[in-house]
């Protein structure tokens, strides 16, 4: 093992680039270092695929609504509450599939499982164009939700596995804004598809929406078989050389990060028992969910714009303006999220960026709770709320650093968190963001303000806990085992949970873990800086 690591360091630090990269390096000096070439490849092959796949997910998920208002309602005689029920069946499938999707990937390579889900998703979207009635679409939407559930947590887990701590937050932010970027232009694309394809080959425009969206998804799913590199520990990526695979393992090892492997069920069960009882799990889940629910206020900006009237009673903004104005908010969200998370990586400001973003969010939401009499003030503050969405990528990067020795825990925490967020998004608006309360939302804005404030305290609680327990970052769940070893010395020691210790017990590794704890005692971990 030592010789392998030494070789990896030699390749990364002293070796020279080969092949076409040698020619590129003559023009662009940045690529003279193999580590820079590797990072560029990861960004082009993996991160770019993630971003495009996120855009396409937005296309697929909005296709049903766009089709509904573009002729599907009349053709299938959907004159009841079917559109809401379409979303309900999707949500049920999504909630059911989140955690199992991550558990499956402890036994099946992501490079096989995720592309299978993507291609199957695309086929179901495509076949929706032939649906004869609402009942068929109900079934399709349920299975679409089930298949979609693995995507977001799995992509985040891939980022955790391939990028070092100083590279994490900005990559999470770039992926995270893919749906925002999609919302900026996919409506225009869908409208153009309907206008230009309606009636072609005897197929209605709304049906072409499903055909084209499904075909694109199948295409990117096939690309995923090549683009997804699993993890550095087990990668078979064709676009990485053997030296780059060794370098990837060395990079993550230098950062102290354990990457994912396929593990046996007994080890997974033991990890799950430790995970569900660990404070980090719930502090992260609650912090992320409260922040996400608070930012739900942005979803109702359009209803506010529709409500503004001039003194003579006429609407101030046309339908076109109502659709265009939110694009400014989306642009602000993209710029601030990517920019602040780049700062988070550069300065290692994890909790600082997350807490500051939520503090700004709480301030702006508090102003909206009071609902100033001046429409210009309301409009300006509403716009500013879009700029407070940078916290969650930094929070996830922070969690990944705290749990850097526990790759399975990282992915399952993400899945559990998304499940909680999804349940809240489905239920909270029923009481807090009612249509009849628009645009002032006397319940919604105060509730969102409270959520943004409370998440600050839960994140400070996470900071306090981690500073008192730095051993979790150094030795994973083994650090906890070492702390309590004296209290249960007469009990059988459970299996070790470190990513590279799966077949050894805590007793055998205790000296190493104790040294790790001693080294970090009284020192703030990097994730807390």
Protein backbone atom coordinates (compact mmCIF):
# COMPACT_ATOMS: atom_id res chain seq x y z
CA UNK A 1 0.00 0.00 0.00
CA UNK A 2 2.79 2.41 0.89
CA UNK A 3 4.56 1.93 -2.40
CA UNK A 4 1.31 2.48 -4.26
CA UNK A 5 0.68 5.73 -2.44
CA UNK A 6 4.26 6.86 -2.96
CA UNK A 7 3.86 6.16 -6.67
CA UNK A 8 0.64 8.15 -6.75
CA UNK A 9 2.36 11.09 -5.10
CA UNK A 10 5.20 10.85 -7.56
CA UNK A 11 2.76 10.84 -10.47
CA UNK A 12 0.85 13.81 -9.11
CA UNK A 13 3.64 15.97 -7.80
CA UNK A 14 6.72 15.21 -9.89
CA UNK A 15 5.49 13.45 -13.01
CA UNK A 16 4.80 15.13 -16.31
CA UNK A 17 1.70 15.05 -18.43
CA UNK A 18 1.64 12.72 -21.39
CA UNK A 19 0.08 12.52 -24.84
CA UNK A 20 -2.06 15.38 -26.09
CA UNK A 21 -1.82 17.13 -22.73
CA UNK A 22 1.90 17.68 -23.27
CA UNK A 23 1.04 19.75 -26.33
CA UNK A 24 -1.75 21.56 -24.51
CA UNK A 25 0.59 22.36 -21.61
CA UNK A 26 2.93 24.21 -23.95
CA UNK A 27 0.10 26.64 -24.71
CA UNK A 28 -1.63 26.64 -21.33
CA UNK A 29 0.91 26.25 -18.48
CA UNK A 30 -1.86 25.32 -16.03
CA UNK A 31 -1.98 21.83 -17.55
CA UNK A 32 1.68 21.07 -16.85
CA UNK A 33 0.62 19.45 -13.58
CA UNK A 34 -1.13 16.05 -13.79
CA UNK A 35 -3.38 17.07 -10.89
CA UNK A 36 -4.71 19.98 -12.91
CA UNK A 37 -5.36 17.73 -15.89
CA UNK A 38 -7.24 15.30 -13.64
CA UNK A 39 -9.36 18.08 -12.15
CA UNK A 40 -10.16 19.40 -15.62
CA UNK A 41 -11.24 15.92 -16.75
CA UNK A 42 -13.47 15.53 -13.70
CA UNK A 43 -15.11 18.88 -14.36
CA UNK A 44 -15.68 18.19 -18.07
CA UNK A 45 -16.76 14.56 -17.87
CA UNK A 46 -18.44 14.33 -14.47
CA UNK A 47 -19.52 17.81 -13.35
CA UNK A 48 -20.69 18.87 -16.81
CA UNK A 49 -22.72 15.66 -17.15
CA UNK A 50 -24.26 16.35 -13.72
CA UNK A 51 -25.25 19.88 -14.73
CA UNK A 52 -26.75 18.79 -18.07
CA UNK A 53 -28.56 15.89 -16.42
CA UNK A 54 -29.99 18.33 -13.86
CA UNK A 55 -31.26 20.56 -16.68
CA UNK A 56 -32.86 17.60 -18.43
CA UNK A 57 -34.50 16.50 -15.18
CA UNK A 58 -36.12 19.93 -15.01
CA UNK A 59 -37.27 19.52 -18.62
CA UNK A 60 -38.85 16.15 -17.87
CA UNK A 61 -40.49 17.23 -14.64
CA UNK A 62 -42.08 20.33 -16.18
CA UNK A 63 -43.19 18.49 -19.34
CA UNK A 64 -46.36 17.22 -17.67
CA UNK A 65 -47.49 20.70 -16.61
CA UNK A 66 -46.58 22.19 -19.98
CA UNK A 67 -48.41 19.38 -21.80
CA UNK A 68 -51.44 19.79 -19.54
CA UNK A 69 -51.92 23.43 -20.57
CA UNK A 70 -51.02 22.68 -24.20
CA UNK A 71 -53.79 20.29 -25.16
CA UNK A 72 -53.44 17.17 -23.04
CA UNK A 73 -56.24 18.30 -20.73
CA UNK A 74 -58.71 18.46 -23.63
CA UNK A 75 -57.48 15.36 -25.48
CA UNK A 76 -57.61 13.11 -22.39
CA UNK A 77 -60.62 14.88 -20.85
CA UNK A 78 -58.81 15.81 -17.65
CA UNK A 79 -61.33 18.18 -16.11
CA UNK A 80 -60.84 17.28 -12.45
CA UNK A 81 -57.87 17.52 -10.08
CA UNK A 82 -55.66 15.32 -12.25
CA UNK A 83 -52.72 17.71 -12.53
CA UNK A 84 -52.35 17.86 -8.74
CA UNK A 85 -52.70 14.09 -8.58
CA UNK A 86 -49.96 13.65 -11.20
CA UNK A 87 -47.58 15.49 -8.87
CA UNK A 88 -48.85 13.57 -5.85
CA UNK A 89 -48.10 10.17 -7.41
CA UNK A 90 -44.65 11.39 -8.45
CA UNK A 91 -43.98 12.63 -4.90
CA UNK A 92 -45.01 9.31 -3.37
CA UNK A 93 -42.63 7.40 -5.62
CA UNK A 94 -39.85 9.90 -4.97
CA UNK A 95 -40.17 9.73 -1.18
CA UNK A 96 -40.22 5.92 -1.24
CA UNK A 97 -37.13 5.63 -3.45
CA UNK A 98 -34.68 8.07 -1.81
CA UNK A 99 -33.00 5.98 0.88
CA UNK A 100 -33.28 2.57 -0.87
CA UNK A 101 -31.59 4.10 -3.92
CA UNK A 102 -28.51 4.88 -1.83
CA UNK A 103 -28.51 1.51 -0.09
CA UNK A 104 -28.56 -0.28 -3.45
CA UNK A 105 -25.39 1.57 -4.46
CA UNK A 106 -23.47 0.01 -1.59
CA UNK A 107 -23.89 -3.27 -3.51
CA UNK A 108 -24.18 -2.12 -7.16
CA UNK A 109 -21.82 0.25 -8.94
CA UNK A 110 -23.28 3.76 -9.48
CA UNK A 111 -21.96 3.61 -13.07
CA UNK A 112 -24.48 0.80 -13.69
CA UNK A 113 -27.34 1.71 -11.39
CA UNK A 114 -27.68 5.44 -12.20
CA UNK A 115 -27.59 5.05 -16.01
CA UNK A 116 -30.17 2.26 -15.74
CA UNK A 117 -32.44 4.60 -13.78
CA UNK A 118 -31.86 7.44 -16.27
CA UNK A 119 -32.54 5.35 -19.39
CA UNK A 120 -35.62 3.75 -17.84
CA UNK A 121 -36.82 7.21 -16.74
CA UNK A 122 -36.42 8.45 -20.31
CA UNK A 123 -38.41 5.52 -21.72
CA UNK A 124 -41.27 6.16 -19.30
CA UNK A 125 -41.30 9.88 -20.14
CA UNK A 126 -41.34 9.05 -23.85
CA UNK A 127 -44.15 6.50 -23.53
CA UNK A 128 -46.29 9.05 -21.69
CA UNK A 129 -47.20 10.47 -25.11
CA UNK A 130 -49.27 7.30 -25.74
CA UNK A 131 -51.10 7.41 -22.40
CA UNK A 132 -54.83 6.99 -23.10
CA UNK A 133 -56.10 8.24 -19.74
CA UNK A 134 -55.22 9.73 -16.37
CA UNK A 135 -54.88 6.33 -14.68
CA UNK A 136 -52.02 5.38 -16.99
CA UNK A 137 -50.25 8.65 -16.24
CA UNK A 138 -50.74 8.09 -12.50
CA UNK A 139 -48.80 4.82 -12.76
CA UNK A 140 -46.11 6.33 -14.97
CA UNK A 141 -45.65 9.29 -12.62
CA UNK A 142 -45.24 6.99 -9.61
CA UNK A 143 -42.46 5.03 -11.28
CA UNK A 144 -40.87 8.22 -12.59
CA UNK A 145 -40.67 9.48 -9.01
CA UNK A 146 -39.20 6.17 -7.87
CA UNK A 147 -36.49 6.35 -10.54
CA UNK A 148 -35.79 10.06 -10.03
CA UNK A 149 -35.21 9.60 -6.29
CA UNK A 150 -31.69 8.26 -6.72
CA UNK A 151 -30.41 11.11 -8.87
CA UNK A 152 -29.81 14.09 -6.56
CA UNK A 153 -28.33 12.21 -3.56
CA UNK A 154 -26.19 10.05 -5.86
CA UNK A 155 -24.76 13.02 -7.72
CA UNK A 156 -23.90 14.72 -4.43
CA UNK A 157 -22.24 11.49 -3.26
CA UNK A 158 -20.15 11.40 -6.46
CA UNK A 159 -18.98 14.95 -5.77
CA UNK A 160 -18.06 13.92 -2.22
CA UNK A 161 -16.03 10.99 -3.59
CA UNK A 162 -14.01 12.81 -6.26
CA UNK A 163 -13.39 16.35 -5.01
CA UNK A 164 -11.20 17.36 -2.09
CA UNK A 165 -12.59 19.63 0.65
CA UNK A 166 -11.21 22.80 -0.93
CA UNK A 167 -13.07 21.93 -4.18
CA UNK A 168 -16.41 20.77 -2.77
CA UNK A 169 -18.69 23.72 -2.16
CA UNK A 170 -18.40 25.39 -5.56
CA UNK A 171 -19.05 22.08 -7.37
CA UNK A 172 -22.09 21.43 -5.18
CA UNK A 173 -23.30 24.96 -5.95
CA UNK A 174 -22.80 24.54 -9.72
CA UNK A 175 -24.83 21.34 -9.71
CA UNK A 176 -27.40 22.85 -7.35
CA UNK A 177 -28.19 25.76 -9.70
CA UNK A 178 -28.83 23.47 -12.67
CA UNK A 179 -32.55 23.44 -11.89
CA UNK A 180 -32.52 27.25 -11.58
CA UNK A 181 -30.79 27.55 -14.94
CA UNK A 182 -33.37 25.15 -16.33
CA UNK A 183 -36.23 27.25 -15.03
CA UNK A 184 -34.76 30.27 -16.82
CA UNK A 185 -35.10 28.95 -20.35
CA UNK A 186 -36.86 25.58 -20.50
CA UNK A 187 -40.29 27.22 -20.64
CA UNK A 188 -39.22 29.04 -23.80
CA UNK A 189 -37.81 25.81 -25.27
CA UNK A 190 -40.99 23.89 -24.51
CA UNK A 191 -43.17 26.60 -26.02
CA UNK A 192 -41.07 26.56 -29.19
CA UNK A 193 -41.32 22.76 -29.41
CA UNK A 194 -45.08 22.91 -29.11
CA UNK A 195 -45.43 25.67 -31.69
CA UNK A 196 -43.15 24.06 -34.29
CA UNK A 197 -44.04 20.38 -33.82
CA UNK A 198 -47.80 20.51 -33.24
CA UNK A 199 -49.46 18.18 -35.76
CA UNK A 200 -46.23 16.87 -37.32
CA UNK A 201 -46.76 13.23 -38.39
CA UNK A 202 -50.22 13.40 -36.86
CA UNK A 203 -48.82 13.81 -33.34
CA UNK A 204 -50.10 16.62 -31.13
CA UNK A 205 -47.72 19.25 -29.79
CA UNK A 206 -48.14 18.15 -26.19
CA UNK A 207 -47.24 14.59 -27.20
CA UNK A 208 -44.05 15.80 -28.91
CA UNK A 209 -43.01 17.35 -25.58
CA UNK A 210 -42.86 13.88 -24.04
CA UNK A 211 -41.25 12.27 -27.09
CA UNK A 212 -38.42 14.80 -27.30
CA UNK A 213 -37.87 15.07 -23.54
CA UNK A 214 -37.76 11.27 -23.24
CA UNK A 215 -35.38 10.86 -26.18
CA UNK A 216 -32.97 13.45 -24.75
CA UNK A 217 -33.06 11.74 -21.36
CA UNK A 218 -32.30 8.34 -22.90
CA UNK A 219 -29.33 9.91 -24.67
CA UNK A 220 -27.85 11.43 -21.55
CA UNK A 221 -28.52 8.18 -19.69
CA UNK A 222 -26.40 6.31 -22.22
CA UNK A 223 -23.66 8.92 -21.83
CA UNK A 224 -23.81 8.30 -18.07
CA UNK A 225 -22.53 4.74 -18.56
CA UNK A 226 -19.25 6.39 -19.62
CA UNK A 227 -19.32 9.62 -17.62
CA UNK A 228 -19.93 8.17 -14.13
CA UNK A 229 -16.60 6.94 -12.70
CA UNK A 230 -17.93 5.24 -9.52
CA UNK A 231 -15.44 6.20 -6.78
CA UNK A 232 -11.62 6.42 -6.82
CA UNK A 233 -11.41 3.18 -4.83
CA UNK A 234 -13.23 1.09 -7.46
CA UNK A 235 -13.21 3.20 -10.61
CA UNK A 236 -13.17 1.64 -14.08
CA UNK A 237 -13.60 4.94 -15.94
CA UNK A 238 -12.37 4.70 -19.53
CA UNK A 239 -11.46 8.39 -19.62
CA UNK A 240 -8.97 8.10 -16.75
CA UNK A 241 -5.51 6.67 -17.23
CA UNK A 242 -4.07 4.26 -14.67
CA UNK A 243 -1.82 7.04 -13.38
CA UNK A 244 -4.86 9.31 -12.98
CA UNK A 245 -6.76 6.62 -11.10
CA UNK A 246 -3.84 6.26 -8.68
CA UNK A 247 -3.59 10.03 -8.44
CA UNK A 248 -7.32 10.26 -7.62
CA UNK A 249 -6.88 7.86 -4.73
CA UNK A 250 -3.81 9.79 -3.54
CA UNK A 251 -5.66 13.13 -3.70
CA UNK A 252 -8.52 11.91 -1.57
CA UNK A 253 -6.15 10.09 0.78
CA UNK A 254 -4.10 13.27 1.25
CA UNK A 255 -7.34 15.07 2.13
CA UNK A 256 -8.19 12.38 4.69
CA UNK A 257 -11.33 11.37 2.80
CA UNK A 258 -12.44 7.74 2.59
CA UNK A 259 -14.21 7.02 -0.69
CA UNK A 260 -17.05 4.59 -1.33
CA UNK A 261 -16.67 0.85 -1.84
CA UNK A 262 -19.08 -2.01 -2.34
CA UNK A 263 -19.55 -3.40 1.16
CA UNK A 264 -21.19 -6.49 2.71
CA UNK A 265 -24.64 -6.30 4.25
CA UNK A 266 -23.49 -6.94 7.88
CA UNK A 267 -21.17 -3.91 7.73
CA UNK A 268 -23.92 -1.80 6.16
CA UNK A 269 -26.39 -2.77 8.87
CA UNK A 270 -23.91 -1.80 11.56
CA UNK A 271 -23.22 1.52 9.86
CA UNK A 272 -26.95 2.23 9.71
CA UNK A 273 -27.34 1.55 13.42
CA UNK A 274 -24.57 4.01 14.20
CA UNK A 275 -25.89 6.54 11.69
CA UNK A 276 -29.47 6.71 13.00
CA UNK A 277 -28.19 7.34 16.53
CA UNK A 278 -25.59 9.94 15.65
CA UNK A 279 -26.14 13.66 16.46
CA UNK A 280 -24.58 14.84 13.17
CA UNK A 281 -27.32 13.09 11.22
CA UNK A 282 -30.12 15.08 12.80
CA UNK A 283 -28.31 18.39 13.11
CA UNK A 284 -27.56 18.33 9.37
CA UNK A 285 -31.04 17.13 8.42
CA UNK A 286 -32.83 19.78 10.45
CA UNK A 287 -30.46 22.58 9.43
CA UNK A 288 -30.72 21.82 5.71
CA UNK A 289 -34.49 21.24 5.76
CA UNK A 290 -35.30 24.45 7.64
CA UNK A 291 -33.18 26.46 5.22
CA UNK A 292 -34.79 24.84 2.19
CA UNK A 293 -38.30 25.38 3.54
CA UNK A 294 -37.54 29.04 4.32
CA UNK A 295 -36.37 29.62 0.75
CA UNK A 296 -39.70 28.30 -0.50
CA UNK A 297 -40.91 31.90 -0.26
CA UNK A 298 -39.27 32.58 -3.63
CA UNK A 299 -41.76 30.26 -5.32
CA UNK A 300 -44.54 32.81 -4.76
CA UNK A 301 -42.81 35.82 -6.28
CA UNK A 302 -44.83 35.48 -9.48
CA UNK A 303 -48.11 35.70 -7.57
CA UNK A 304 -46.89 38.92 -5.99
CA UNK A 305 -46.03 40.40 -9.40
CA UNK A 306 -49.50 39.46 -10.69
CA UNK A 307 -51.14 41.28 -7.77
CA UNK A 308 -49.48 44.70 -8.17
CA UNK A 309 -51.87 47.34 -9.49
CA UNK A 310 -51.49 50.95 -10.49
CA UNK A 311 -53.62 53.64 -8.78
CA UNK A 312 -56.24 53.34 -11.53
CA UNK A 313 -56.69 49.62 -10.74
CA UNK A 314 -54.96 48.23 -13.81
CA UNK A 315 -52.31 45.54 -13.47
CA UNK A 316 -48.84 47.05 -13.45
CA UNK A 317 -47.11 44.14 -15.18
CA UNK A 318 -48.20 42.25 -18.29
CA UNK A 319 -48.15 38.46 -18.45
CA UNK A 320 -44.92 38.67 -20.43
CA UNK A 321 -43.30 40.86 -17.76
CA UNK A 322 -44.49 38.57 -14.99
CA UNK A 323 -42.70 35.68 -16.72
CA UNK A 324 -39.54 37.69 -17.43
CA UNK A 325 -38.94 39.55 -14.15
CA UNK A 326 -38.11 36.43 -12.07
CA UNK A 327 -35.19 35.78 -14.42
CA UNK A 328 -33.35 38.58 -12.62
CA UNK A 329 -33.85 36.74 -9.34
CA UNK A 330 -32.64 33.47 -10.85
CA UNK A 331 -29.53 35.21 -12.18
CA UNK A 332 -28.82 36.70 -8.74
CA UNK A 333 -29.26 33.26 -7.18
CA UNK A 334 -26.79 31.64 -9.57
CA UNK A 335 -24.16 34.37 -9.14
CA UNK A 336 -24.36 34.52 -5.34
CA UNK A 337 -24.54 30.74 -4.86
CA UNK A 338 -21.53 30.00 -7.06
CA UNK A 339 -19.59 33.07 -5.87
CA UNK A 340 -20.11 32.59 -2.13
CA UNK A 341 -19.37 28.88 -2.32
CA UNK A 342 -16.18 29.60 -4.24
CA UNK A 343 -15.31 31.81 -1.25
CA UNK A 344 -16.31 28.96 1.06
CA UNK A 345 -13.75 26.70 -0.65
CA UNK A 346 -11.05 29.36 -0.85
CA UNK A 347 -11.27 30.52 2.77
CA UNK A 348 -12.69 27.26 4.15
CA UNK A 349 -15.68 29.20 5.46
CA UNK A 350 -18.26 26.44 5.74
CA UNK A 351 -20.47 27.40 8.65
CA UNK A 352 -19.70 31.08 8.11
CA UNK A 353 -21.19 31.15 4.59
CA UNK A 354 -24.13 28.97 5.57
CA UNK A 355 -25.01 30.91 8.72
CA UNK A 356 -24.53 34.30 7.05
CA UNK A 357 -26.77 33.31 4.12
CA UNK A 358 -29.53 32.23 6.47
CA UNK A 359 -29.12 35.34 8.60
CA UNK A 360 -29.63 37.50 5.49
CA UNK A 361 -32.60 35.33 4.54
CA UNK A 362 -34.15 35.78 8.00
CA UNK A 363 -33.71 39.56 7.75
CA UNK A 364 -35.34 39.87 4.33
CA UNK A 365 -38.17 37.50 5.25
CA UNK A 366 -38.79 39.48 8.45
CA UNK A 367 -39.18 42.63 6.33
CA UNK A 368 -41.67 40.83 4.08
CA UNK A 369 -43.53 39.63 7.18
CA UNK A 370 -44.14 43.28 8.03
CA UNK A 371 -45.12 43.96 4.40
CA UNK A 372 -43.90 47.54 3.77
CA UNK A 373 -46.44 49.90 2.23
CA UNK A 374 -44.08 50.83 -0.61
CA UNK A 375 -44.27 48.32 -3.48
CA UNK A 376 -40.75 49.21 -4.59
CA UNK A 377 -39.38 48.16 -1.20
CA UNK A 378 -41.30 44.87 -1.31
CA UNK A 379 -40.09 44.21 -4.85
CA UNK A 380 -36.45 44.96 -3.95
CA UNK A 381 -36.51 42.80 -0.82
CA UNK A 382 -38.21 39.95 -2.69
CA UNK A 383 -35.39 40.08 -5.27
CA UNK A 384 -32.77 40.06 -2.52
CA UNK A 385 -34.16 36.82 -1.07
CA UNK A 386 -32.90 35.07 -4.21
CA UNK A 387 -29.37 36.00 -3.18
CA UNK A 388 -29.55 34.15 0.14
CA UNK A 389 -29.60 30.61 -1.26
CA UNK A 390 -25.86 29.91 -0.97
CA UNK A 391 -25.94 28.27 2.45
CA UNK A 392 -26.92 24.69 1.73
CA UNK A 393 -24.01 23.79 -0.61
CA UNK A 394 -21.61 24.99 2.09
CA UNK A 395 -23.54 23.06 4.72
CA UNK A 396 -23.31 19.87 2.65
CA UNK A 397 -19.58 20.44 2.07
CA UNK A 398 -19.17 20.90 5.82
CA UNK A 399 -21.06 17.68 6.53
CA UNK A 400 -18.87 15.83 4.01
CA UNK A 401 -15.76 16.99 5.85
CA UNK A 402 -17.12 16.02 9.25
CA UNK A 403 -18.08 12.57 7.92
CA UNK A 404 -15.11 12.22 5.57
CA UNK A 405 -14.26 8.78 6.96
CA UNK A 406 -17.82 7.49 6.46
CA UNK A 407 -18.77 7.51 2.75
CA UNK A 408 -21.93 5.46 3.20
CA UNK A 409 -23.09 7.74 6.00
CA UNK A 410 -22.56 10.78 3.78
CA UNK A 411 -24.80 9.51 0.99
CA UNK A 412 -27.51 8.17 3.30
CA UNK A 413 -27.64 11.43 5.31
CA UNK A 414 -28.16 13.29 2.03
CA UNK A 415 -30.99 10.92 1.06
CA UNK A 416 -32.66 11.20 4.46
CA UNK A 417 -32.36 14.99 4.31
CA UNK A 418 -33.93 15.20 0.85
CA UNK A 419 -36.77 12.95 2.06
CA UNK A 420 -37.47 15.34 4.94
CA UNK A 421 -37.29 18.38 2.65
CA UNK A 422 -39.65 16.77 0.15
CA UNK A 423 -42.22 15.92 2.82
CA UNK A 424 -42.10 19.53 4.02
CA UNK A 425 -42.47 20.96 0.53
CA UNK A 426 -45.54 18.77 0.02
CA UNK A 427 -47.26 19.63 3.30
CA UNK A 428 -46.16 23.06 4.62
CA UNK A 429 -47.66 25.10 1.73
CA UNK A 430 -51.10 23.66 2.47
CA UNK A 431 -51.32 25.85 5.57
CA UNK A 432 -48.60 28.47 5.18
CA UNK A 433 -48.70 29.45 1.50
CA UNK A 434 -52.40 29.29 0.65
CA UNK A 435 -53.49 30.93 -2.60
CA UNK A 436 -56.11 32.99 -0.81
CA UNK A 437 -53.36 34.52 1.39
CA UNK A 438 -51.39 35.84 -1.60
CA UNK A 439 -49.43 38.03 -1.81
CA UNK A 440 -48.88 38.97 1.86
CA UNK A 441 -48.96 35.43 3.30
CA UNK A 442 -49.54 36.32 6.98
CA UNK A 443 -48.60 32.77 7.99
CA UNK A 444 -45.98 31.93 5.37
CA UNK A 445 -43.53 34.81 5.79
CA UNK A 446 -43.38 34.75 9.63
CA UNK A 447 -43.01 30.95 9.54
CA UNK A 448 -40.22 31.17 6.95
CA UNK A 449 -38.50 33.85 9.05
CA UNK A 450 -38.62 31.57 12.08
CA UNK A 451 -37.21 28.66 10.07
CA UNK A 452 -34.31 30.76 8.77
CA UNK A 453 -33.55 31.90 12.33
CA UNK A 454 -33.80 28.44 13.88
CA UNK A 455 -31.47 26.88 11.30
CA UNK A 456 -28.78 29.35 12.42
CA UNK A 457 -28.96 27.93 15.94
CA UNK A 458 -28.98 24.29 14.78
CA UNK A 459 -25.89 24.96 12.66
CA UNK A 460 -24.16 26.65 15.58
CA UNK A 461 -25.12 23.55 17.55
CA UNK A 462 -23.40 21.42 14.91
CA UNK A 463 -20.32 23.65 15.20
CA UNK A 464 -20.30 23.29 18.99
CA UNK A 465 -20.71 19.51 18.81
CA UNK A 466 -17.99 19.04 16.22
CA UNK A 467 -15.50 21.15 18.14
CA UNK A 468 -16.09 18.96 21.16
CA UNK A 469 -15.87 15.76 19.07
CA UNK A 470 -13.14 16.20 16.43
CA UNK A 471 -12.52 12.44 16.48
CA UNK A 472 -15.44 11.83 14.10
CA UNK A 473 -13.55 13.58 11.29
CA UNK A 474 -10.27 11.84 12.09
CA UNK A 475 -11.44 8.27 12.67
CA UNK A 476 -15.10 8.14 11.63
CA UNK A 477 -17.45 6.15 13.79
CA UNK A 478 -14.34 4.42 15.18
CA UNK A 479 -13.55 7.65 16.99
CA UNK A 480 -16.78 7.30 18.97
CA UNK A 481 -15.91 3.67 19.64
CA UNK A 482 -12.53 4.64 21.06
CA UNK A 483 -14.11 7.24 23.34
CA UNK A 484 -16.50 4.73 24.85
CA UNK A 485 -14.16 1.70 24.81
CA UNK A 486 -13.40 2.01 28.49
CA UNK A 487 -17.09 2.06 29.38
CA UNK A 488 -17.79 -1.24 27.60
CA UNK A 489 -14.48 -3.09 27.86
CA UNK A 490 -16.33 -6.20 28.98
CA UNK A 491 -18.55 -6.16 25.91
CA UNK A 492 -17.78 -7.60 22.50
CA UNK A 493 -16.25 -4.93 20.25
CA UNK A 494 -18.39 -4.23 17.16
CA UNK A 495 -16.94 -4.36 13.63
CA UNK A 496 -14.88 -1.36 12.61
CA UNK A 497 -16.62 1.11 10.36
CA UNK A 498 -13.72 2.96 8.74
CA UNK A 499 -13.75 2.77 4.94
CA UNK A 500 -10.35 1.03 4.85
CA UNK A 501 -10.89 -1.08 8.01
CA UNK A 502 -13.94 -3.11 7.07
CA UNK A 503 -12.48 -6.43 8.12
CA UNK A 504 -10.73 -5.31 11.31
CA UNK A 505 -12.18 -4.51 14.69
CA UNK A 506 -11.97 -1.39 16.77
CA UNK A 507 -9.71 -3.08 19.26
CA UNK A 508 -7.05 -3.64 16.60
CA UNK A 509 -7.30 -0.07 15.37
CA UNK A 510 -7.75 1.61 18.75
CA UNK A 511 -4.14 2.80 19.10
CA UNK A 512 -4.29 4.51 15.71
CA UNK A 513 -7.65 6.10 16.47
CA UNK A 514 -6.46 7.23 19.91
CA UNK A 515 -3.48 8.96 18.35
CA UNK A 516 -5.84 10.69 15.89
CA UNK A 517 -8.00 11.92 18.75
CA UNK A 518 -4.97 13.14 20.66
CA UNK A 519 -3.70 15.07 17.65
CA UNK A 520 -6.96 16.91 17.28
CA UNK A 521 -7.89 17.45 20.93
CA UNK A 522 -8.58 21.12 21.52
CA UNK A 523 -8.10 22.03 17.89
CA UNK A 524 -10.96 23.17 15.69
CA UNK A 525 -11.42 20.91 12.71
CA UNK A 526 -11.05 22.31 9.21
CA UNK A 527 -14.78 22.04 8.57
CA UNK A 528 -15.46 24.44 11.42
CA UNK A 529 -13.09 27.13 10.20
